[in-house]
C-alpha cells in the first residue's frame, strides 16, 4: 500500500546565486514533525503559489548530501518555539560556494 505525498519543492527551480537577492518561498507549516522518505528528511508545508496556498513537501536534507544547513535551521527554530502548525514564514535560498569552492545551497528562515 502506498500513500500519495504532495508535490515536493524542487530546489532546481530556485536559481538565484546572489546573497542580496535570494529566491524567496512563502510557506506555512502544516506539521512541524519531520518524516523520512527514501531520499530525504522532510516536512509538510503549504506554499504560496500565485495567490493560492498549495500543499507541498519541503525537503530539509537529502540523504545523499552533506548539506545539513536547512535541517539545522529547522531544528533550532523548533527548539526556539518558532516552528508550530499554522506558522507562516519565508524561506530564502541561493546557490553559494562551499569552502572547497563547490556550489552549495544556502538557506535562511525568516519569521
PDB file of N, CA and C in Angstrom:
ATOM      1  N   UNK A   1       0.847  -1.171   0.000  1.00  0.00           N
ATOM      2  CA  UNK A   1       0.000   0.000   0.000  1.00  0.00           C
ATOM      3  C   UNK A   1       0.901   1.246   0.000  1.00  0.00           C
ATOM      4  N   UNK A   2       0.633   2.174  -0.898  1.00  0.00           N
ATOM      5  CA  UNK A   2       1.439   3.393  -0.952  1.00  0.00           C
ATOM      6  C   UNK A   2       0.570   4.596  -0.627  1.00  0.00           C
ATOM      7  N   UNK A   3       1.179   5.565   0.027  1.00  0.00           N
ATOM      8  CA  UNK A   3       0.456   6.797   0.315  1.00  0.00           C
ATOM      9  C   UNK A   3       0.975   7.879  -0.607  1.00  0.00           C
ATOM     10  N   UNK A   4       0.070   8.627  -1.162  1.00  0.00           N
ATOM     11  CA  UNK A   4       0.417   9.689  -2.103  1.00  0.00           C
ATOM     12  C   UNK A   4       0.858  10.935  -1.336  1.00  0.00           C
ATOM     13  N   UNK A   5       2.059  11.421  -1.624  1.00  0.00           N
ATOM     14  CA  UNK A   5       2.552  12.637  -0.999  1.00  0.00           C
ATOM     15  C   UNK A   5       2.246  13.833  -1.893  1.00  0.00           C
ATOM     16  N   UNK A   6       2.139  14.990  -1.266  1.00  0.00           N
ATOM     17  CA  UNK A   6       2.010  16.237  -2.028  1.00  0.00           C
ATOM     18  C   UNK A   6       3.270  16.418  -2.856  1.00  0.00           C
ATOM     19  N   UNK A   7       3.228  17.297  -3.858  1.00  0.00           N
ATOM     20  CA  UNK A   7       4.445  17.545  -4.653  1.00  0.00           C
ATOM     21  C   UNK A   7       5.578  18.092  -3.786  1.00  0.00           C
ATOM     22  N   UNK A   8       6.781  17.722  -4.138  1.00  0.00           N
ATOM     23  CA  UNK A   8       7.961  18.207  -3.433  1.00  0.00           C
ATOM     24  C   UNK A   8       8.357  19.581  -3.964  1.00  0.00           C
ATOM     25  N   UNK A   9       8.908  20.422  -3.093  1.00  0.00           N
ATOM     26  CA  UNK A   9       9.528  21.668  -3.525  1.00  0.00           C
ATOM     27  C   UNK A   9      10.853  21.280  -4.176  1.00  0.00           C
ATOM     28  N   UNK A  10      11.079  21.772  -5.387  1.00  0.00           N
ATOM     29  CA  UNK A  10      12.272  21.391  -6.151  1.00  0.00           C
ATOM     30  C   UNK A  10      13.280  22.535  -6.116  1.00  0.00           C
ATOM     31  N   UNK A  11      14.465  22.257  -5.559  1.00  0.00           N
ATOM     32  CA  UNK A  11      15.484  23.288  -5.428  1.00  0.00           C
ATOM     33  C   UNK A  11      15.998  23.753  -6.775  1.00  0.00           C
ATOM     34  N   UNK A  12      15.899  22.933  -7.807  1.00  0.00           N
ATOM     35  CA  UNK A  12      16.348  23.326  -9.142  1.00  0.00           C
ATOM     36  C   UNK A  12      15.574  24.506  -9.706  1.00  0.00           C
ATOM     37  N   UNK A  13      14.378  24.767  -9.170  1.00  0.00           N
ATOM     38  CA  UNK A  13      13.573  25.906  -9.617  1.00  0.00           C
ATOM     39  C   UNK A  13      14.040  27.209  -8.973  1.00  0.00           C
ATOM     40  N   UNK A  14      14.887  27.104  -7.944  1.00  0.00           N
ATOM     41  CA  UNK A  14      15.442  28.281  -7.260  1.00  0.00           C
ATOM     42  C   UNK A  14      16.820  28.545  -7.844  1.00  0.00           C
ATOM     43  N   UNK A  15      16.943  29.625  -8.609  1.00  0.00           N
ATOM     44  CA  UNK A  15      18.143  29.815  -9.418  1.00  0.00           C
ATOM     45  C   UNK A  15      19.055  30.947  -8.961  1.00  0.00           C
ATOM     46  N   UNK A  16      18.670  31.703  -7.931  1.00  0.00           N
ATOM     47  CA  UNK A  16      19.484  32.849  -7.500  1.00  0.00           C
ATOM     48  C   UNK A  16      20.872  32.411  -7.041  1.00  0.00           C
ATOM     49  N   UNK A  17      21.861  33.194  -7.442  1.00  0.00           N
ATOM     50  CA  UNK A  17      23.232  32.988  -6.972  1.00  0.00           C
ATOM     51  C   UNK A  17      23.720  34.214  -6.223  1.00  0.00           C
ATOM     52  N   UNK A  18      22.779  35.099  -5.869  1.00  0.00           N
ATOM     53  CA  UNK A  18      23.097  36.383  -5.259  1.00  0.00           C
ATOM     54  C   UNK A  18      22.595  36.406  -3.816  1.00  0.00           C
ATOM     55  N   UNK A  19      23.508  36.588  -2.862  1.00  0.00           N
ATOM     56  CA  UNK A  19      23.115  36.619  -1.445  1.00  0.00           C
ATOM     57  C   UNK A  19      22.177  37.782  -1.150  1.00  0.00           C
ATOM     58  N   UNK A  20      22.300  38.877  -1.901  1.00  0.00           N
ATOM     59  CA  UNK A  20      21.463  40.048  -1.674  1.00  0.00           C
ATOM     60  C   UNK A  20      20.074  39.926  -2.269  1.00  0.00           C
ATOM     61  N   UNK A  21      19.913  39.037  -3.244  1.00  0.00           N
ATOM     62  CA  UNK A  21      18.611  38.838  -3.885  1.00  0.00           C
ATOM     63  C   UNK A  21      18.325  37.330  -3.954  1.00  0.00           C
ATOM     64  N   UNK A  22      18.028  36.696  -2.793  1.00  0.00           N
ATOM     65  CA  UNK A  22      17.773  35.252  -2.806  1.00  0.00           C
ATOM     66  C   UNK A  22      16.389  34.942  -3.375  1.00  0.00           C
ATOM     67  N   UNK A  23      16.171  33.688  -3.743  1.00  0.00           N
ATOM     68  CA  UNK A  23      14.823  33.224  -4.054  1.00  0.00           C
ATOM     69  C   UNK A  23      14.058  33.175  -2.736  1.00  0.00           C
ATOM     70  N   UNK A  24      12.802  33.617  -2.739  1.00  0.00           N
ATOM     71  CA  UNK A  24      12.002  33.648  -1.518  1.00  0.00           C
ATOM     72  C   UNK A  24      10.764  32.782  -1.711  1.00  0.00           C
ATOM     73  N   UNK A  25      10.607  31.786  -0.833  1.00  0.00           N
ATOM     74  CA  UNK A  25       9.421  30.939  -0.822  1.00  0.00           C
ATOM     75  C   UNK A  25       8.570  31.327   0.379  1.00  0.00           C
ATOM     76  N   UNK A  26       7.291  31.568   0.152  1.00  0.00           N
ATOM     77  CA  UNK A  26       6.359  31.887   1.235  1.00  0.00           C
ATOM     78  C   UNK A  26       5.687  30.583   1.649  1.00  0.00           C
ATOM     79  N   UNK A  27       5.890  30.192   2.907  1.00  0.00           N
ATOM     80  CA  UNK A  27       5.437  28.889   3.380  1.00  0.00           C
ATOM     81  C   UNK A  27       4.623  29.013   4.662  1.00  0.00           C
ATOM     82  N   UNK A  28       3.765  28.015   4.888  1.00  0.00           N
ATOM     83  CA  UNK A  28       3.012  27.872   6.130  1.00  0.00           C
ATOM     84  C   UNK A  28       3.172  26.431   6.593  1.00  0.00           C
ATOM     85  N   UNK A  29       3.468  26.259   7.865  1.00  0.00           N
ATOM     86  CA  UNK A  29       3.716  24.921   8.401  1.00  0.00           C
ATOM     87  C   UNK A  29       2.400  24.187   8.594  1.00  0.00           C
ATOM     88  N   UNK A  30       2.300  22.981   8.042  1.00  0.00           N
ATOM     89  CA  UNK A  30       1.150  22.114   8.277  1.00  0.00           C
ATOM     90  C   UNK A  30       1.441  21.238   9.492  1.00  0.00           C
ATOM     91  N   UNK A  31       2.617  20.594   9.490  1.00  0.00           N
ATOM     92  CA  UNK A  31       3.026  19.700  10.577  1.00  0.00           C
ATOM     93  C   UNK A  31       4.517  19.923  10.821  1.00  0.00           C
ATOM     94  N   UNK A  32       4.875  20.261  12.048  1.00  0.00           N
ATOM     95  CA  UNK A  32       6.271  20.588  12.376  1.00  0.00           C
ATOM     96  C   UNK A  32       7.159  19.354  12.479  1.00  0.00           C
ATOM     97  N   UNK A  33       6.564  18.165  12.571  1.00  0.00           N
ATOM     98  CA  UNK A  33       7.355  16.941  12.716  1.00  0.00           C
ATOM     99  C   UNK A  33       7.947  16.512  11.380  1.00  0.00           C
ATOM    100  N   UNK A  34       9.219  16.155  11.406  1.00  0.00           N
ATOM    101  CA  UNK A  34       9.885  15.691  10.193  1.00  0.00           C
ATOM    102  C   UNK A  34       9.508  14.237   9.913  1.00  0.00           C
ATOM    103  N   UNK A  35       9.631  13.864   8.657  1.00  0.00           N
ATOM    104  CA  UNK A  35       9.443  12.466   8.262  1.00  0.00           C
ATOM    105  C   UNK A  35      10.453  12.145   7.170  1.00  0.00           C
ATOM    106  N   UNK A  36      10.818  10.877   7.081  1.00  0.00           N
ATOM    107  CA  UNK A  36      11.802  10.430   6.099  1.00  0.00           C
ATOM    108  C   UNK A  36      11.126   9.729   4.936  1.00  0.00           C
ATOM    109  N   UNK A  37      11.671   9.974   3.744  1.00  0.00           N
ATOM    110  CA  UNK A  37      11.338   9.186   2.574  1.00  0.00           C
ATOM    111  C   UNK A  37      12.612   8.450   2.181  1.00  0.00           C
ATOM    112  N   UNK A  38      12.569   7.764   1.082  1.00  0.00           N
ATOM    113  CA  UNK A  38      13.742   7.024   0.610  1.00  0.00           C
ATOM    114  C   UNK A  38      14.926   7.966   0.349  1.00  0.00           C
ATOM    115  N   UNK A  39      14.621   9.222  -0.021  1.00  0.00           N
ATOM    116  CA  UNK A  39      15.673  10.127  -0.471  1.00  0.00           C
ATOM    117  C   UNK A  39      15.995  11.275   0.476  1.00  0.00           C
ATOM    118  N   UNK A  40      15.064  11.636   1.389  1.00  0.00           N
ATOM    119  CA  UNK A  40      15.297  12.852   2.160  1.00  0.00           C
ATOM    120  C   UNK A  40      14.500  12.881   3.466  1.00  0.00           C
ATOM    121  N   UNK A  41      14.869  13.846   4.322  1.00  0.00           N
ATOM    122  CA  UNK A  41      14.132  14.183   5.533  1.00  0.00           C
ATOM    123  C   UNK A  41      13.302  15.410   5.190  1.00  0.00           C
ATOM    124  N   UNK A  42      11.998  15.398   5.531  1.00  0.00           N
ATOM    125  CA  UNK A  42      11.059  16.384   5.008  1.00  0.00           C
ATOM    126  C   UNK A  42      10.073  16.858   6.068  1.00  0.00           C
ATOM    127  N   UNK A  43       9.301  17.896   5.710  1.00  0.00           N
ATOM    128  CA  UNK A  43       8.155  18.345   6.497  1.00  0.00           C
ATOM    129  C   UNK A  43       7.035  18.729   5.538  1.00  0.00           C
ATOM    130  N   UNK A  44       5.799  18.703   6.061  1.00  0.00           N
ATOM    131  CA  UNK A  44       4.622  19.118   5.292  1.00  0.00           C
ATOM    132  C   UNK A  44       4.399  20.608   5.485  1.00  0.00           C
ATOM    133  N   UNK A  45       4.267  21.335   4.370  1.00  0.00           N
ATOM    134  CA  UNK A  45       4.011  22.776   4.400  1.00  0.00           C
ATOM    135  C   UNK A  45       2.982  23.120   3.326  1.00  0.00           C
ATOM    136  N   UNK A  46       2.496  24.363   3.385  1.00  0.00           N
ATOM    137  CA  UNK A  46       1.746  24.947   2.282  1.00  0.00           C
ATOM    138  C   UNK A  46       2.638  26.028   1.689  1.00  0.00           C
ATOM    139  N   UNK A  47       2.657  26.099   0.355  1.00  0.00           N
ATOM    140  CA  UNK A  47       3.460  27.105  -0.334  1.00  0.00           C
ATOM    141  C   UNK A  47       2.520  28.049  -1.070  1.00  0.00           C
ATOM    142  N   UNK A  48       2.806  29.345  -0.964  1.00  0.00           N
ATOM    143  CA  UNK A  48       2.014  30.330  -1.696  1.00  0.00           C
ATOM    144  C   UNK A  48       2.465  30.310  -3.147  1.00  0.00           C
ATOM    145  N   UNK A  49       1.549  29.922  -4.025  1.00  0.00           N
ATOM    146  CA  UNK A  49       1.806  29.856  -5.459  1.00  0.00           C
ATOM    147  C   UNK A  49       0.792  30.786  -6.112  1.00  0.00           C
ATOM    148  N   UNK A  50       1.276  31.847  -6.736  1.00  0.00           N
ATOM    149  CA  UNK A  50       0.424  32.929  -7.233  1.00  0.00           C
ATOM    150  C   UNK A  50      -0.371  33.474  -6.050  1.00  0.00           C
ATOM    151  N   UNK A  51      -1.687  33.322  -6.059  1.00  0.00           N
ATOM    152  CA  UNK A  51      -2.496  33.861  -4.963  1.00  0.00           C
ATOM    153  C   UNK A  51      -3.124  32.779  -4.102  1.00  0.00           C
ATOM    154  N   UNK A  52      -2.720  31.520  -4.294  1.00  0.00           N
ATOM    155  CA  UNK A  52      -3.326  30.439  -3.503  1.00  0.00           C
ATOM    156  C   UNK A  52      -2.247  29.664  -2.743  1.00  0.00           C
ATOM    157  N   UNK A  53      -2.671  28.970  -1.699  1.00  0.00           N
ATOM    158  CA  UNK A  53      -1.760  28.152  -0.885  1.00  0.00           C
ATOM    159  C   UNK A  53      -1.939  26.695  -1.292  1.00  0.00           C
ATOM    160  N   UNK A  54      -0.832  26.041  -1.665  1.00  0.00           N
ATOM    161  CA  UNK A  54      -0.871  24.646  -2.118  1.00  0.00           C
ATOM    162  C   UNK A  54       0.002  23.787  -1.217  1.00  0.00           C
ATOM    163  N   UNK A  55      -0.494  22.602  -0.896  1.00  0.00           N
ATOM    164  CA  UNK A  55       0.257  21.687  -0.038  1.00  0.00           C
ATOM    165  C   UNK A  55       1.489  21.184  -0.772  1.00  0.00           C
ATOM    166  N   UNK A  56       2.628  21.184  -0.046  1.00  0.00           N
ATOM    167  CA  UNK A  56       3.905  20.745  -0.603  1.00  0.00           C
ATOM    168  C   UNK A  56       4.687  19.973   0.458  1.00  0.00           C
ATOM    169  N   UNK A  57       5.703  19.269  -0.005  1.00  0.00           N
ATOM    170  CA  UNK A  57       6.659  18.619   0.891  1.00  0.00           C
ATOM    171  C   UNK A  57       7.955  19.409   0.775  1.00  0.00           C
ATOM    172  N   UNK A  58       8.445  19.894   1.916  1.00  0.00           N
ATOM    173  CA  UNK A  58       9.691  20.663   1.953  1.00  0.00           C
ATOM    174  C   UNK A  58      10.827  19.727   2.345  1.00  0.00           C
ATOM    175  N   UNK A  59      11.755  19.432   1.419  1.00  0.00           N
ATOM    176  CA  UNK A  59      12.904  18.587   1.768  1.00  0.00           C
ATOM    177  C   UNK A  59      13.913  19.389   2.590  1.00  0.00           C
ATOM    178  N   UNK A  60      14.174  18.941   3.818  1.00  0.00           N
ATOM    179  CA  UNK A  60      15.120  19.626   4.696  1.00  0.00           C
ATOM    180  C   UNK A  60      16.549  19.159   4.480  1.00  0.00           C
ATOM    181  N   UNK A  61      16.718  17.867   4.145  1.00  0.00           N
ATOM    182  CA  UNK A  61      18.061  17.338   3.901  1.00  0.00           C
ATOM    183  C   UNK A  61      17.971  16.080   3.054  1.00  0.00           C
ATOM    184  N   UNK A  62      18.714  16.073   1.971  1.00  0.00           N
ATOM    185  CA  UNK A  62      18.823  14.888   1.136  1.00  0.00           C
ATOM    186  C   UNK A  62      19.750  13.889   1.829  1.00  0.00           C
ATOM    187  N   UNK A  63      19.399  12.616   1.787  1.00  0.00           N
ATOM    188  CA  UNK A  63      20.261  11.588   2.391  1.00  0.00           C
ATOM    189  C   UNK A  63      21.607  11.484   1.673  1.00  0.00           C
ATOM    190  N   UNK A  64      21.657  11.934   0.414  1.00  0.00           N
ATOM    191  CA  UNK A  64      22.896  11.846  -0.362  1.00  0.00           C
ATOM    192  C   UNK A  64      23.781  13.074  -0.205  1.00  0.00           C
ATOM    193  N   UNK A  65      23.302  14.095   0.507  1.00  0.00           N
ATOM    194  CA  UNK A  65      24.033  15.353   0.621  1.00  0.00           C
ATOM    195  C   UNK A  65      24.607  15.530   2.026  1.00  0.00           C
ATOM    196  N   UNK A  66      25.739  16.204   2.107  1.00  0.00           N
ATOM    197  CA  UNK A  66      26.319  16.554   3.406  1.00  0.00           C
ATOM    198  C   UNK A  66      25.787  17.886   3.927  1.00  0.00           C
ATOM    199  N   UNK A  67      25.003  18.608   3.097  1.00  0.00           N
ATOM    200  CA  UNK A  67      24.494  19.925   3.468  1.00  0.00           C
ATOM    201  C   UNK A  67      23.341  19.783   4.474  1.00  0.00           C
ATOM    202  N   UNK A  68      23.635  20.088   5.732  1.00  0.00           N
ATOM    203  CA  UNK A  68      22.625  19.974   6.796  1.00  0.00           C
ATOM    204  C   UNK A  68      22.079  21.335   7.227  1.00  0.00           C
ATOM    205  N   UNK A  69      22.409  22.407   6.505  1.00  0.00           N
ATOM    206  CA  UNK A  69      22.050  23.753   6.941  1.00  0.00           C
ATOM    207  C   UNK A  69      20.546  23.925   7.166  1.00  0.00           C
ATOM    208  N   UNK A  70      19.702  23.521   6.214  1.00  0.00           N
ATOM    209  CA  UNK A  70      18.264  23.746   6.365  1.00  0.00           C
ATOM    210  C   UNK A  70      17.698  22.904   7.507  1.00  0.00           C
ATOM    211  N   UNK A  71      18.118  21.663   7.637  1.00  0.00           N
ATOM    212  CA  UNK A  71      17.660  20.813   8.741  1.00  0.00           C
ATOM    213  C   UNK A  71      18.088  21.408  10.081  1.00  0.00           C
ATOM    214  N   UNK A  72      19.306  21.907  10.172  1.00  0.00           N
ATOM    215  CA  UNK A  72      19.787  22.530  11.414  1.00  0.00           C
ATOM    216  C   UNK A  72      18.999  23.792  11.742  1.00  0.00           C
ATOM    217  N   UNK A  73      18.720  24.631  10.730  1.00  0.00           N
ATOM    218  CA  UNK A  73      17.916  25.831  10.945  1.00  0.00           C
ATOM    219  C   UNK A  73      16.515  25.460  11.430  1.00  0.00           C
ATOM    220  N   UNK A  74      15.916  24.430  10.823  1.00  0.00           N
ATOM    221  CA  UNK A  74      14.582  23.966  11.205  1.00  0.00           C
ATOM    222  C   UNK A  74      14.576  23.505  12.667  1.00  0.00           C
ATOM    223  N   UNK A  75      15.546  22.666  13.035  1.00  0.00           N
ATOM    224  CA  UNK A  75      15.599  22.138  14.402  1.00  0.00           C
ATOM    225  C   UNK A  75      15.836  23.238  15.427  1.00  0.00           C
ATOM    226  N   UNK A  76      16.680  24.218  15.094  1.00  0.00           N
ATOM    227  CA  UNK A  76      16.928  25.333  16.014  1.00  0.00           C
ATOM    228  C   UNK A  76      15.670  26.175  16.190  1.00  0.00           C
ATOM    229  N   UNK A  77      14.996  26.485  15.093  1.00  0.00           N
ATOM    230  CA  UNK A  77      13.762  27.277  15.175  1.00  0.00           C
ATOM    231  C   UNK A  77      12.682  26.517  15.949  1.00  0.00           C
ATOM    232  N   UNK A  78      12.665  25.212  15.802  1.00  0.00           N
ATOM    233  CA  UNK A  78      11.692  24.394  16.547  1.00  0.00           C
ATOM    234  C   UNK A  78      12.003  24.451  18.044  1.00  0.00           C
ATOM    235  N   UNK A  79      13.280  24.321  18.414  1.00  0.00           N
ATOM    236  CA  UNK A  79      13.677  24.424  19.824  1.00  0.00           C
ATOM    237  C   UNK A  79      13.342  25.797  20.396  1.00  0.00           C
ATOM    238  N   UNK A  80      13.465  26.834  19.563  1.00  0.00           N
ATOM    239  CA  UNK A  80      13.193  28.207  19.998  1.00  0.00           C
ATOM    240  C   UNK A  80      11.701  28.537  20.008  1.00  0.00           C
ATOM    241  N   UNK A  81      10.839  27.577  19.635  1.00  0.00           N
ATOM    242  CA  UNK A  81       9.397  27.785  19.668  1.00  0.00           C
ATOM    243  C   UNK A  81       8.837  28.531  18.472  1.00  0.00           C
ATOM    244  N   UNK A  82       9.625  28.688  17.423  1.00  0.00           N
ATOM    245  CA  UNK A  82       9.152  29.409  16.237  1.00  0.00           C
ATOM    246  C   UNK A  82       8.407  28.503  15.265  1.00  0.00           C
ATOM    247  N   UNK A  83       8.620  27.208  15.362  1.00  0.00           N
ATOM    248  CA  UNK A  83       8.027  26.245  14.441  1.00  0.00           C
ATOM    249  C   UNK A  83       6.822  25.584  15.103  1.00  0.00           C
ATOM    250  N   UNK A  84       5.635  25.951  14.652  1.00  0.00           N
ATOM    251  CA  UNK A  84       4.395  25.315  15.101  1.00  0.00           C
ATOM    252  C   UNK A  84       3.436  25.274  13.912  1.00  0.00           C
ATOM    253  N   UNK A  85       2.484  24.361  13.954  1.00  0.00           N
ATOM    254  CA  UNK A  85       1.498  24.260  12.875  1.00  0.00           C
ATOM    255  C   UNK A  85       0.791  25.597  12.720  1.00  0.00           C
ATOM    256  N   UNK A  86       0.653  26.044  11.475  1.00  0.00           N
ATOM    257  CA  UNK A  86      -0.021  27.296  11.177  1.00  0.00           C
ATOM    258  C   UNK A  86       0.900  28.500  11.063  1.00  0.00           C
ATOM    259  N   UNK A  87       2.166  28.362  11.468  1.00  0.00           N
ATOM    260  CA  UNK A  87       3.117  29.474  11.385  1.00  0.00           C
ATOM    261  C   UNK A  87       3.483  29.732   9.927  1.00  0.00           C
ATOM    262  N   UNK A  88       3.431  31.007   9.532  1.00  0.00           N
ATOM    263  CA  UNK A  88       3.860  31.395   8.193  1.00  0.00           C
ATOM    264  C   UNK A  88       5.261  31.990   8.291  1.00  0.00           C
ATOM    265  N   UNK A  89       6.094  31.696   7.296  1.00  0.00           N
ATOM    266  CA  UNK A  89       7.460  32.200   7.274  1.00  0.00           C
ATOM    267  C   UNK A  89       7.964  32.255   5.843  1.00  0.00           C
ATOM    268  N   UNK A  90       9.112  32.891   5.665  1.00  0.00           N
ATOM    269  CA  UNK A  90       9.775  32.925   4.370  1.00  0.00           C
ATOM    270  C   UNK A  90      11.022  32.053   4.424  1.00  0.00           C
ATOM    271  N   UNK A  91      11.209  31.283   3.384  1.00  0.00           N
ATOM    272  CA  UNK A  91      12.442  30.521   3.208  1.00  0.00           C
ATOM    273  C   UNK A  91      13.216  31.211   2.091  1.00  0.00           C
ATOM    274  N   UNK A  92      14.376  31.758   2.437  1.00  0.00           N
ATOM    275  CA  UNK A  92      15.224  32.415   1.447  1.00  0.00           C
ATOM    276  C   UNK A  92      16.363  31.469   1.102  1.00  0.00           C
ATOM    277  N   UNK A  93      16.656  31.355  -0.190  1.00  0.00           N
ATOM    278  CA  UNK A  93      17.694  30.427  -0.617  1.00  0.00           C
ATOM    279  C   UNK A  93      18.427  30.951  -1.846  1.00  0.00           C
ATOM    280  N   UNK A  94      19.687  30.592  -1.938  1.00  0.00           N
ATOM    281  CA  UNK A  94      20.508  30.932  -3.102  1.00  0.00           C
ATOM    282  C   UNK A  94      21.632  29.908  -3.202  1.00  0.00           C
ATOM    283  N   UNK A  95      22.246  29.863  -4.361  1.00  0.00           N
ATOM    284  CA  UNK A  95      23.405  28.992  -4.560  1.00  0.00           C
ATOM    285  C   UNK A  95      24.672  29.773  -4.266  1.00  0.00           C
ATOM    286  N   UNK A  96      25.420  29.321  -3.289  1.00  0.00           N
ATOM    287  CA  UNK A  96      26.689  29.940  -2.942  1.00  0.00           C
ATOM    288  C   UNK A  96      27.828  28.987  -3.221  1.00  0.00           C
ATOM    289  N   UNK A  97      28.979  29.277  -2.659  1.00  0.00           N
ATOM    290  CA  UNK A  97      30.142  28.409  -2.812  1.00  0.00           C
ATOM    291  C   UNK A  97      30.550  27.865  -1.450  1.00  0.00           C
ATOM    292  N   UNK A  98      30.914  26.597  -1.419  1.00  0.00           N
ATOM    293  CA  UNK A  98      31.405  25.986  -0.187  1.00  0.00           C
ATOM    294  C   UNK A  98      32.845  26.421   0.048  1.00  0.00           C
ATOM    295  N   UNK A  99      33.387  26.017   1.198  1.00  0.00           N
ATOM    296  CA  UNK A  99      34.788  26.363   1.479  1.00  0.00           C
ATOM    297  C   UNK A  99      35.741  25.686   0.503  1.00  0.00           C
ATOM    298  N   UNK A 100      35.250  24.664  -0.212  1.00  0.00           N
ATOM    299  CA  UNK A 100      36.063  23.981  -1.230  1.00  0.00           C
ATOM    300  C   UNK A 100      35.781  24.513  -2.630  1.00  0.00           C
ATOM    301  N   UNK A 101      35.091  25.666  -2.700  1.00  0.00           N
ATOM    302  CA  UNK A 101      34.753  26.300  -3.976  1.00  0.00           C
ATOM    303  C   UNK A 101      33.786  25.486  -4.831  1.00  0.00           C
ATOM    304  N   UNK A 102      32.940  24.709  -4.204  1.00  0.00           N
ATOM    305  CA  UNK A 102      31.911  23.948  -4.911  1.00  0.00           C
ATOM    306  C   UNK A 102      30.566  24.617  -4.663  1.00  0.00           C
ATOM    307  N   UNK A 103      29.628  24.495  -5.616  1.00  0.00           N
ATOM    308  CA  UNK A 103      28.300  25.082  -5.405  1.00  0.00           C
ATOM    309  C   UNK A 103      27.591  24.410  -4.218  1.00  0.00           C
ATOM    310  N   UNK A 104      26.958  25.227  -3.371  1.00  0.00           N
ATOM    311  CA  UNK A 104      26.209  24.704  -2.238  1.00  0.00           C
ATOM    312  C   UNK A 104      24.995  25.603  -2.026  1.00  0.00           C
ATOM    313  N   UNK A 105      23.855  24.993  -1.735  1.00  0.00           N
ATOM    314  CA  UNK A 105      22.648  25.764  -1.489  1.00  0.00           C
ATOM    315  C   UNK A 105      22.667  26.299  -0.072  1.00  0.00           C
ATOM    316  N   UNK A 106      22.395  27.596   0.068  1.00  0.00           N
ATOM    317  CA  UNK A 106      22.345  28.268   1.364  1.00  0.00           C
ATOM    318  C   UNK A 106      20.904  28.648   1.661  1.00  0.00           C
ATOM    319  N   UNK A 107      20.569  28.700   2.952  1.00  0.00           N
ATOM    320  CA  UNK A 107      19.192  28.955   3.372  1.00  0.00           C
ATOM    321  C   UNK A 107      19.138  29.954   4.511  1.00  0.00           C
ATOM    322  N   UNK A 108      17.956  30.588   4.655  1.00  0.00           N
ATOM    323  CA  UNK A 108      17.651  31.396   5.820  1.00  0.00           C
ATOM    324  C   UNK A 108      16.145  31.319   6.046  1.00  0.00           C
ATOM    325  N   UNK A 109      15.738  31.157   7.303  1.00  0.00           N
ATOM    326  CA  UNK A 109      14.325  31.153   7.663  1.00  0.00           C
ATOM    327  C   UNK A 109      13.992  32.519   8.251  1.00  0.00           C
ATOM    328  N   UNK A 110      12.951  33.168   7.754  1.00  0.00           N
ATOM    329  CA  UNK A 110      12.553  34.492   8.231  1.00  0.00           C
ATOM    330  C   UNK A 110      11.125  34.388   8.764  1.00  0.00           C
ATOM    331  N   UNK A 111      10.965  34.653  10.073  1.00  0.00           N
ATOM    332  CA  UNK A 111       9.656  34.563  10.712  1.00  0.00           C
ATOM    333  C   UNK A 111       9.069  35.943  10.916  1.00  0.00           C
TER     334      UNK A 111
END
